[in-house]
């Protein structure tokens, strides 16, 4: 059995099969990998959703009552609002750190060019522009 119904007030149905790197249940259907909660949605409602959001914030949960359809933008906003969105140097591929972003913003304020900052920190000019203009690294 790949699902266990947890008898607690939240009512999560936890996937006990394979998990991906983000902790979501996965399975294969016709040699195509599917997320387990998407399969649960399909079995309940008869259509394949593009994006699902967990009301319970439990990636392993496949209870259709805990799921709702939404867009990528809504899902990202939900993650941010609930404090679950990884950001800054906690992102494994981040080339900058919070300290370096603070420093490069200060240096830009002192007149350093975007190209000079990019060369100093080993990142693209676009990455520097986005960090300085707070399109990225908004949390600092």
Protein backbone atom coordinates (compact mmCIF):
# COMPACT_ATOMS: atom_id res chain seq x y z
CA UNK A 1 0.00 0.00 0.00
CA UNK A 2 1.49 3.34 -1.09
CA UNK A 3 -0.80 5.64 0.92
CA UNK A 4 -1.38 5.75 4.64
CA UNK A 5 -4.27 7.76 6.03
CA UNK A 6 -2.99 9.56 9.08
CA UNK A 7 -5.56 9.61 11.84
CA UNK A 8 -4.86 13.09 13.11
CA UNK A 9 -6.96 16.25 12.94
CA UNK A 10 -5.30 17.45 9.72
CA UNK A 11 -6.44 14.33 7.82
CA UNK A 12 -3.40 14.03 5.55
CA UNK A 13 -3.07 10.96 3.36
CA UNK A 14 0.68 10.38 3.24
CA UNK A 15 2.37 8.87 0.19
CA UNK A 16 4.70 6.05 1.23
CA UNK A 17 6.23 5.36 -2.17
CA UNK A 18 9.12 7.07 -3.91
CA UNK A 19 9.73 10.75 -3.15
CA UNK A 20 11.46 13.31 -5.36
CA UNK A 21 14.15 15.72 -4.13
CA UNK A 22 11.45 18.17 -2.98
CA UNK A 23 9.66 15.53 -0.90
CA UNK A 24 6.69 15.02 -3.24
CA UNK A 25 5.45 11.52 -3.96
CA UNK A 26 6.12 10.27 -7.47
CA UNK A 27 5.02 7.29 -9.50
CA UNK A 28 5.24 6.13 -13.09
CA UNK A 29 2.25 5.84 -15.39
CA UNK A 30 2.89 4.61 -18.93
CA UNK A 31 6.63 5.24 -18.43
CA UNK A 32 5.96 8.88 -17.52
CA UNK A 33 6.73 10.20 -14.06
CA UNK A 34 3.74 11.76 -12.32
CA UNK A 35 3.44 13.40 -8.93
CA UNK A 36 1.33 11.31 -6.60
CA UNK A 37 -0.92 14.21 -5.57
CA UNK A 38 -1.65 14.92 -9.25
CA UNK A 39 -2.66 11.28 -9.66
CA UNK A 40 -4.96 11.57 -6.63
CA UNK A 41 -6.54 14.66 -8.20
CA UNK A 42 -7.00 12.84 -11.50
CA UNK A 43 -8.59 9.82 -9.83
CA UNK A 44 -10.97 12.10 -7.93
CA UNK A 45 -11.86 14.73 -10.53
CA UNK A 46 -10.98 13.13 -13.87
CA UNK A 47 -8.56 15.74 -15.20
CA UNK A 48 -4.81 16.33 -14.95
CA UNK A 49 -4.05 19.63 -13.25
CA UNK A 50 -1.09 21.72 -14.33
CA UNK A 51 -0.52 23.20 -10.84
CA UNK A 52 -1.83 22.07 -7.48
CA UNK A 53 -1.41 23.75 -4.12
CA UNK A 54 -1.38 21.92 -0.79
CA UNK A 55 -3.53 23.61 1.85
CA UNK A 56 -1.82 21.43 4.46
CA UNK A 57 1.70 22.28 3.21
CA UNK A 58 2.66 18.60 3.36
CA UNK A 59 4.37 17.56 0.09
CA UNK A 60 3.68 13.85 0.72
CA UNK A 61 -0.07 14.45 1.19
CA UNK A 62 -2.33 13.06 -1.56
CA UNK A 63 -5.69 13.85 0.07
CA UNK A 64 -7.71 15.60 -2.69
CA UNK A 65 -9.52 17.64 -0.02
CA UNK A 66 -6.16 19.24 0.81
CA UNK A 67 -5.45 20.23 -2.80
CA UNK A 68 -6.60 23.11 -4.96
CA UNK A 69 -5.84 24.10 -8.50
CA UNK A 70 -3.93 27.28 -9.16
CA UNK A 71 -1.41 28.91 -11.45
CA UNK A 72 2.36 28.90 -11.09
CA UNK A 73 2.14 32.51 -9.88
CA UNK A 74 -0.47 31.61 -7.24
CA UNK A 75 1.60 28.65 -6.07
CA UNK A 76 4.74 30.81 -5.70
CA UNK A 77 2.76 33.51 -3.87
CA UNK A 78 1.29 30.85 -1.56
CA UNK A 79 4.78 29.52 -0.79
CA UNK A 80 6.09 33.02 -0.11
CA UNK A 81 3.14 34.00 2.08
CA UNK A 82 3.59 30.85 4.17
CA UNK A 83 7.37 31.31 4.48
CA UNK A 84 8.20 28.12 2.58
CA UNK A 85 10.00 29.62 -0.38
CA UNK A 86 13.73 29.01 -0.46
CA UNK A 87 15.61 32.20 -1.15
CA UNK A 88 19.00 33.80 -1.01
CA UNK A 89 22.08 31.74 -0.26
CA UNK A 90 19.86 28.83 0.85
CA UNK A 91 19.31 28.14 -2.86
CA UNK A 92 21.95 25.59 -3.71
CA UNK A 93 22.97 27.20 -7.02
CA UNK A 94 23.13 30.78 -5.69
CA UNK A 95 26.41 32.44 -6.65
CA UNK A 96 25.93 35.37 -4.29
CA UNK A 97 25.36 35.54 -0.55
CA UNK A 98 23.32 38.01 1.47
CA UNK A 99 26.54 39.68 2.62
CA UNK A 100 27.84 40.08 -0.92
CA UNK A 101 24.54 41.53 -2.14
CA UNK A 102 24.64 44.13 0.63
CA UNK A 103 28.22 44.94 -0.31
CA UNK A 104 27.57 45.20 -4.05
CA UNK A 105 24.56 47.46 -3.45
CA UNK A 106 26.80 49.70 -1.34
CA UNK A 107 29.53 49.74 -3.98
CA UNK A 108 27.00 50.52 -6.70
CA UNK A 109 25.85 53.45 -4.56
CA UNK A 110 29.49 54.60 -4.51
CA UNK A 111 29.55 54.69 -8.30
CA UNK A 112 30.88 51.27 -9.26
CA UNK A 113 29.64 50.13 -12.68
CA UNK A 114 27.52 47.03 -13.12
CA UNK A 115 30.28 45.49 -15.25
CA UNK A 116 32.91 46.11 -12.57
CA UNK A 117 30.67 44.57 -9.90
CA UNK A 118 29.94 41.56 -12.10
CA UNK A 119 33.65 40.97 -12.62
CA UNK A 120 34.41 41.39 -8.92
CA UNK A 121 31.76 38.87 -7.80
CA UNK A 122 32.04 36.44 -10.70
CA UNK A 123 28.43 36.77 -11.83
CA UNK A 124 26.70 38.18 -14.88
CA UNK A 125 25.91 41.85 -15.28
CA UNK A 126 22.21 40.88 -15.34
CA UNK A 127 22.56 39.20 -11.92
CA UNK A 128 24.10 42.37 -10.49
CA UNK A 129 21.44 44.65 -12.03
CA UNK A 130 18.65 42.44 -10.67
CA UNK A 131 20.19 42.30 -7.18
CA UNK A 132 20.86 46.05 -7.01
CA UNK A 133 17.39 46.93 -8.31
CA UNK A 134 15.84 44.40 -5.90
CA UNK A 135 14.27 42.27 -8.60
CA UNK A 136 16.06 39.45 -6.79
CA UNK A 137 17.27 39.29 -3.19
CA UNK A 138 14.25 41.33 -2.07
CA UNK A 139 14.47 39.84 1.43
CA UNK A 140 17.57 41.92 2.24
